[in-house]
Amino acid sequence: MDNLDELRQKRMQELQQQAIAAENQQRMQQEMEMQKKQAMIQILTPEAKNRLTNLRLTKPEFVDQVELQLIQLVQSGKVQNKITDDQLKILLQKLTPKKRDINITRR
């Protein structure tokens, strides 16, 4: 009976530690997301921010990559002023993978 109680206690402690670790990880992710949002507010004009927000609805992973690149550009000192909507359009065009057009001709 003692052995069973010990196993239960150990299992309970493991579960509590896992829950605490998951909570800490979630909190860190939320903090990182808030920092990224604050950086985007400082980096982008409102129009450019709206464009990224709309694009996030269809391509969230792509927007995450764009945001990271924007932050890197600012940190490296390559961007001094806020990025306008037109500048963002150009950047998005450069980062968007080229589509292949396939034409099928019937004979």
N, C-alpha and C. Protein backbone atom coordinates (compact mmCIF):
# COMPACT_ATOMS: atom_id res chain seq x y z
N MET A 1 0.82 -1.19 0.00
CA MET A 1 0.00 0.00 0.00
C MET A 1 0.87 1.26 0.00
N ASP A 2 1.96 1.25 0.76
CA ASP A 2 2.86 2.40 0.80
C ASP A 2 3.49 2.66 -0.57
N ASN A 3 3.85 1.59 -1.23
CA ASN A 3 4.48 1.70 -2.54
C ASN A 3 3.53 2.38 -3.54
N LEU A 4 2.27 2.02 -3.47
CA LEU A 4 1.28 2.60 -4.36
C LEU A 4 1.10 4.10 -4.08
N ASP A 5 1.09 4.46 -2.82
CA ASP A 5 0.97 5.88 -2.45
C ASP A 5 2.18 6.67 -2.93
N GLU A 6 3.36 6.07 -2.81
CA GLU A 6 4.57 6.75 -3.28
C GLU A 6 4.52 6.98 -4.78
N LEU A 7 4.08 5.97 -5.52
CA LEU A 7 3.97 6.11 -6.97
C LEU A 7 2.96 7.20 -7.34
N ARG A 8 1.86 7.24 -6.62
CA ARG A 8 0.85 8.28 -6.88
C ARG A 8 1.42 9.68 -6.61
N GLN A 9 2.16 9.80 -5.52
CA GLN A 9 2.76 11.09 -5.18
C GLN A 9 3.76 11.53 -6.25
N LYS A 10 4.61 10.58 -6.67
CA LYS A 10 5.59 10.90 -7.71
C LYS A 10 4.90 11.33 -9.00
N ARG A 11 3.88 10.57 -9.36
CA ARG A 11 3.15 10.89 -10.59
C ARG A 11 2.48 12.26 -10.48
N MET A 12 1.92 12.55 -9.34
CA MET A 12 1.27 13.84 -9.12
C MET A 12 2.29 14.98 -9.23
N GLN A 13 3.47 14.80 -8.65
CA GLN A 13 4.51 15.81 -8.74
C GLN A 13 4.97 16.01 -10.18
N GLU A 14 5.11 14.91 -10.92
CA GLU A 14 5.51 15.02 -12.33
C GLU A 14 4.49 15.81 -13.13
N LEU A 15 3.22 15.51 -12.89
CA LEU A 15 2.16 16.22 -13.61
C LEU A 15 2.15 17.71 -13.26
N GLN A 16 2.37 18.02 -12.00
CA GLN A 16 2.41 19.42 -11.59
C GLN A 16 3.59 20.14 -12.23
N GLN A 17 4.74 19.48 -12.27
CA GLN A 17 5.92 20.09 -12.90
C GLN A 17 5.69 20.30 -14.39
N GLN A 18 5.05 19.35 -15.05
CA GLN A 18 4.75 19.50 -16.47
C GLN A 18 3.79 20.66 -16.70
N ALA A 19 2.80 20.80 -15.83
CA ALA A 19 1.83 21.88 -15.97
C ALA A 19 2.52 23.24 -15.77
N ILE A 20 3.40 23.31 -14.80
CA ILE A 20 4.13 24.56 -14.54
C ILE A 20 5.03 24.90 -15.72
N ALA A 21 5.71 23.90 -16.27
CA ALA A 21 6.60 24.13 -17.42
C ALA A 21 5.80 24.60 -18.63
N ALA A 22 4.65 23.98 -18.87
CA ALA A 22 3.81 24.38 -20.00
C ALA A 22 3.29 25.80 -19.82
N GLU A 23 2.92 26.15 -18.59
CA GLU A 23 2.44 27.50 -18.31
C GLU A 23 3.54 28.52 -18.52
N ASN A 24 4.75 28.21 -18.08
CA ASN A 24 5.88 29.13 -18.27
C ASN A 24 6.19 29.31 -19.75
N GLN A 25 6.15 28.23 -20.50
CA GLN A 25 6.42 28.32 -21.93
C GLN A 25 5.35 29.17 -22.63
N GLN A 26 4.10 28.97 -22.25
CA GLN A 26 3.02 29.76 -22.84
C GLN A 26 3.19 31.24 -22.49
N ARG A 27 3.56 31.54 -21.28
CA ARG A 27 3.76 32.92 -20.85
C ARG A 27 4.90 33.56 -21.64
N MET A 28 5.98 32.80 -21.86
CA MET A 28 7.11 33.33 -22.62
C MET A 28 6.71 33.60 -24.07
N GLN A 29 5.91 32.71 -24.66
CA GLN A 29 5.45 32.92 -26.03
C GLN A 29 4.58 34.16 -26.12
N GLN A 30 3.72 34.37 -25.13
CA GLN A 30 2.87 35.56 -25.12
C GLN A 30 3.71 36.82 -25.01
N GLU A 31 4.74 36.79 -24.17
CA GLU A 31 5.62 37.95 -24.02
C GLU A 31 6.34 38.25 -25.33
N MET A 32 6.83 37.20 -25.99
CA MET A 32 7.52 37.38 -27.27
C MET A 32 6.57 37.98 -28.31
N GLU A 33 5.33 37.49 -28.31
CA GLU A 33 4.34 37.99 -29.26
C GLU A 33 4.04 39.47 -28.99
N MET A 34 3.93 39.84 -27.72
CA MET A 34 3.68 41.24 -27.37
C MET A 34 4.85 42.12 -27.79
N GLN A 35 6.07 41.65 -27.59
CA GLN A 35 7.25 42.41 -28.00
C GLN A 35 7.28 42.58 -29.51
N LYS A 36 6.90 41.53 -30.23
CA LYS A 36 6.89 41.60 -31.69
C LYS A 36 5.83 42.61 -32.15
N LYS A 37 4.66 42.59 -31.50
CA LYS A 37 3.60 43.55 -31.87
C LYS A 37 4.06 44.98 -31.62
N GLN A 38 4.72 45.20 -30.49
CA GLN A 38 5.22 46.55 -30.18
C GLN A 38 6.26 46.98 -31.21
N ALA A 39 7.12 46.06 -31.59
CA ALA A 39 8.13 46.38 -32.59
C ALA A 39 7.48 46.73 -33.92
N MET A 40 6.44 46.00 -34.31
CA MET A 40 5.75 46.27 -35.57
C MET A 40 5.07 47.64 -35.55
N ILE A 41 4.55 48.03 -34.40
CA ILE A 41 3.93 49.35 -34.27
C ILE A 41 4.97 50.43 -34.49
N GLN A 42 6.18 50.22 -33.98
CA GLN A 42 7.25 51.21 -34.14
C GLN A 42 7.84 51.19 -35.54
N ILE A 43 7.85 50.03 -36.19
CA ILE A 43 8.51 49.89 -37.49
C ILE A 43 7.61 50.31 -38.64
N LEU A 44 6.31 49.97 -38.57
CA LEU A 44 5.41 50.13 -39.71
C LEU A 44 4.46 51.31 -39.56
N THR A 45 4.09 51.89 -40.70
CA THR A 45 3.03 52.89 -40.71
C THR A 45 1.71 52.14 -40.50
N PRO A 46 0.63 52.84 -40.13
CA PRO A 46 -0.66 52.16 -39.93
C PRO A 46 -1.15 51.40 -41.17
N GLU A 47 -0.93 51.96 -42.36
CA GLU A 47 -1.37 51.29 -43.58
C GLU A 47 -0.61 49.98 -43.79
N ALA A 48 0.69 50.02 -43.56
CA ALA A 48 1.51 48.82 -43.72
C ALA A 48 1.12 47.77 -42.68
N LYS A 49 0.83 48.22 -41.47
CA LYS A 49 0.40 47.30 -40.41
C LYS A 49 -0.91 46.63 -40.79
N ASN A 50 -1.84 47.41 -41.37
CA ASN A 50 -3.11 46.83 -41.83
C ASN A 50 -2.88 45.78 -42.90
N ARG A 51 -1.96 46.07 -43.82
CA ARG A 51 -1.67 45.12 -44.89
C ARG A 51 -1.15 43.80 -44.30
N LEU A 52 -0.25 43.89 -43.35
CA LEU A 52 0.28 42.66 -42.74
C LEU A 52 -0.81 41.91 -41.96
N THR A 53 -1.67 42.66 -41.30
CA THR A 53 -2.76 42.03 -40.55
C THR A 53 -3.69 41.28 -41.49
N ASN A 54 -4.03 41.89 -42.62
CA ASN A 54 -4.89 41.22 -43.59
C ASN A 54 -4.20 40.00 -44.20
N LEU A 55 -2.93 40.13 -44.46
CA LEU A 55 -2.18 39.02 -45.05
C LEU A 55 -2.05 37.86 -44.06
N ARG A 56 -2.02 38.18 -42.77
CA ARG A 56 -1.90 37.14 -41.74
C ARG A 56 -3.10 36.18 -41.78
N LEU A 57 -4.25 36.68 -42.22
CA LEU A 57 -5.43 35.82 -42.27
C LEU A 57 -5.25 34.67 -43.26
N THR A 58 -4.51 34.91 -44.33
CA THR A 58 -4.34 33.87 -45.35
C THR A 58 -3.00 33.14 -45.23
N LYS A 59 -1.96 33.86 -44.81
CA LYS A 59 -0.62 33.27 -44.76
C LYS A 59 0.08 33.61 -43.44
N PRO A 60 -0.35 33.02 -42.33
CA PRO A 60 0.24 33.39 -41.03
C PRO A 60 1.73 33.07 -40.91
N GLU A 61 2.18 31.96 -41.47
CA GLU A 61 3.60 31.60 -41.37
C GLU A 61 4.46 32.58 -42.16
N PHE A 62 3.97 32.96 -43.33
CA PHE A 62 4.70 33.91 -44.17
C PHE A 62 4.83 35.26 -43.47
N VAL A 63 3.76 35.70 -42.83
CA VAL A 63 3.78 36.99 -42.12
C VAL A 63 4.75 36.93 -40.95
N ASP A 64 4.82 35.80 -40.26
CA ASP A 64 5.79 35.66 -39.17
C ASP A 64 7.21 35.82 -39.70
N GLN A 65 7.49 35.22 -40.84
CA GLN A 65 8.82 35.36 -41.45
C GLN A 65 9.10 36.80 -41.83
N VAL A 66 8.10 37.47 -42.40
CA VAL A 66 8.27 38.87 -42.81
C VAL A 66 8.54 39.74 -41.60
N GLU A 67 7.79 39.52 -40.52
CA GLU A 67 7.99 40.31 -39.31
C GLU A 67 9.40 40.11 -38.75
N LEU A 68 9.87 38.88 -38.73
CA LEU A 68 11.22 38.63 -38.24
C LEU A 68 12.26 39.33 -39.11
N GLN A 69 12.05 39.32 -40.41
CA GLN A 69 12.99 40.00 -41.30
C GLN A 69 12.95 41.51 -41.10
N LEU A 70 11.76 42.05 -40.88
CA LEU A 70 11.65 43.49 -40.62
C LEU A 70 12.39 43.87 -39.34
N ILE A 71 12.23 43.06 -38.32
CA ILE A 71 12.92 43.33 -37.05
C ILE A 71 14.43 43.26 -37.25
N GLN A 72 14.89 42.28 -38.02
CA GLN A 72 16.32 42.16 -38.30
C GLN A 72 16.84 43.36 -39.08
N LEU A 73 16.04 43.84 -40.04
CA LEU A 73 16.46 45.01 -40.82
C LEU A 73 16.63 46.23 -39.92
N VAL A 74 15.71 46.41 -39.01
CA VAL A 74 15.78 47.56 -38.10
C VAL A 74 16.96 47.41 -37.15
N GLN A 75 17.16 46.21 -36.62
CA GLN A 75 18.27 45.98 -35.69
C GLN A 75 19.62 46.16 -36.36
N SER A 76 19.70 45.82 -37.64
CA SER A 76 20.98 45.97 -38.35
C SER A 76 21.21 47.41 -38.79
N GLY A 77 20.19 48.26 -38.65
CA GLY A 77 20.34 49.66 -39.00
C GLY A 77 20.09 49.97 -40.46
N LYS A 78 19.55 49.03 -41.21
CA LYS A 78 19.29 49.26 -42.63
C LYS A 78 18.03 50.08 -42.85
N VAL A 79 17.17 50.14 -41.85
CA VAL A 79 15.93 50.91 -41.96
C VAL A 79 15.95 51.97 -40.86
N GLN A 80 15.83 53.23 -41.25
CA GLN A 80 15.88 54.32 -40.28
C GLN A 80 14.47 54.84 -39.95
N ASN A 81 13.63 54.98 -40.98
CA ASN A 81 12.28 55.51 -40.79
C ASN A 81 11.27 54.38 -40.76
N LYS A 82 10.01 54.75 -40.50
CA LYS A 82 8.95 53.75 -40.54
C LYS A 82 8.78 53.25 -41.97
N ILE A 83 8.46 51.98 -42.09
CA ILE A 83 8.25 51.37 -43.40
C ILE A 83 6.83 51.67 -43.86
N THR A 84 6.73 52.25 -45.06
CA THR A 84 5.42 52.62 -45.60
C THR A 84 4.78 51.41 -46.27
N ASP A 85 3.52 51.60 -46.65
CA ASP A 85 2.78 50.54 -47.32
C ASP A 85 3.44 50.17 -48.65
N ASP A 86 3.90 51.17 -49.40
CA ASP A 86 4.55 50.91 -50.69
C ASP A 86 5.86 50.13 -50.50
N GLN A 87 6.63 50.51 -49.50
CA GLN A 87 7.88 49.79 -49.23
C GLN A 87 7.59 48.34 -48.82
N LEU A 88 6.53 48.17 -48.04
CA LEU A 88 6.15 46.82 -47.61
C LEU A 88 5.71 45.98 -48.81
N LYS A 89 4.97 46.59 -49.74
CA LYS A 89 4.55 45.87 -50.95
C LYS A 89 5.76 45.35 -51.71
N ILE A 90 6.77 46.21 -51.87
CA ILE A 90 7.99 45.82 -52.59
C ILE A 90 8.68 44.67 -51.86
N LEU A 91 8.77 44.78 -50.54
CA LEU A 91 9.40 43.73 -49.75
C LEU A 91 8.63 42.41 -49.87
N LEU A 92 7.31 42.49 -49.82
CA LEU A 92 6.50 41.28 -49.94
C LEU A 92 6.66 40.63 -51.31
N GLN A 93 6.76 41.45 -52.34
CA GLN A 93 6.95 40.91 -53.69
C GLN A 93 8.29 40.18 -53.79
N LYS A 94 9.31 40.74 -53.15
CA LYS A 94 10.63 40.09 -53.18
C LYS A 94 10.63 38.78 -52.41
N LEU A 95 9.88 38.73 -51.33
CA LEU A 95 9.88 37.54 -50.48
C LEU A 95 8.90 36.46 -50.93
N THR A 96 7.93 36.84 -51.74
CA THR A 96 6.95 35.86 -52.20
C THR A 96 7.60 34.93 -53.21
N PRO A 97 7.46 33.64 -53.00
CA PRO A 97 8.06 32.71 -53.96
C PRO A 97 7.42 32.84 -55.34
N LYS A 98 8.23 32.65 -56.34
CA LYS A 98 7.74 32.76 -57.71
C LYS A 98 6.81 31.59 -58.01
N LYS A 99 5.71 31.92 -58.69
CA LYS A 99 4.78 30.88 -59.11
C LYS A 99 5.13 30.43 -60.51
N ARG A 100 4.99 29.18 -60.72
CA ARG A 100 5.21 28.66 -62.06
C ARG A 100 3.87 28.61 -62.78
N ASP A 101 3.85 29.11 -63.98
CA ASP A 101 2.66 29.01 -64.81
C ASP A 101 2.81 27.79 -65.71
N ILE A 102 1.85 26.93 -65.62
CA ILE A 102 1.87 25.74 -66.45
C ILE A 102 0.72 25.84 -67.44
N ASN A 103 1.07 25.82 -68.70
CA ASN A 103 0.06 25.87 -69.75
C ASN A 103 -0.03 24.50 -70.41
N ILE A 104 -1.23 24.02 -70.50
CA ILE A 104 -1.46 22.74 -71.16
C ILE A 104 -2.15 23.03 -72.49
N THR A 105 -1.53 22.59 -73.56
CA THR A 105 -2.15 22.79 -74.87
C THR A 105 -2.64 21.44 -75.38
N ARG A 106 -3.85 21.46 -75.85
CA ARG A 106 -4.44 20.24 -76.40
C ARG A 106 -4.30 20.24 -77.90
N ARG A 107 -4.07 19.10 -78.43
CA ARG A 107 -3.94 18.99 -79.88
C ARG A 107 -5.15 18.33 -80.47
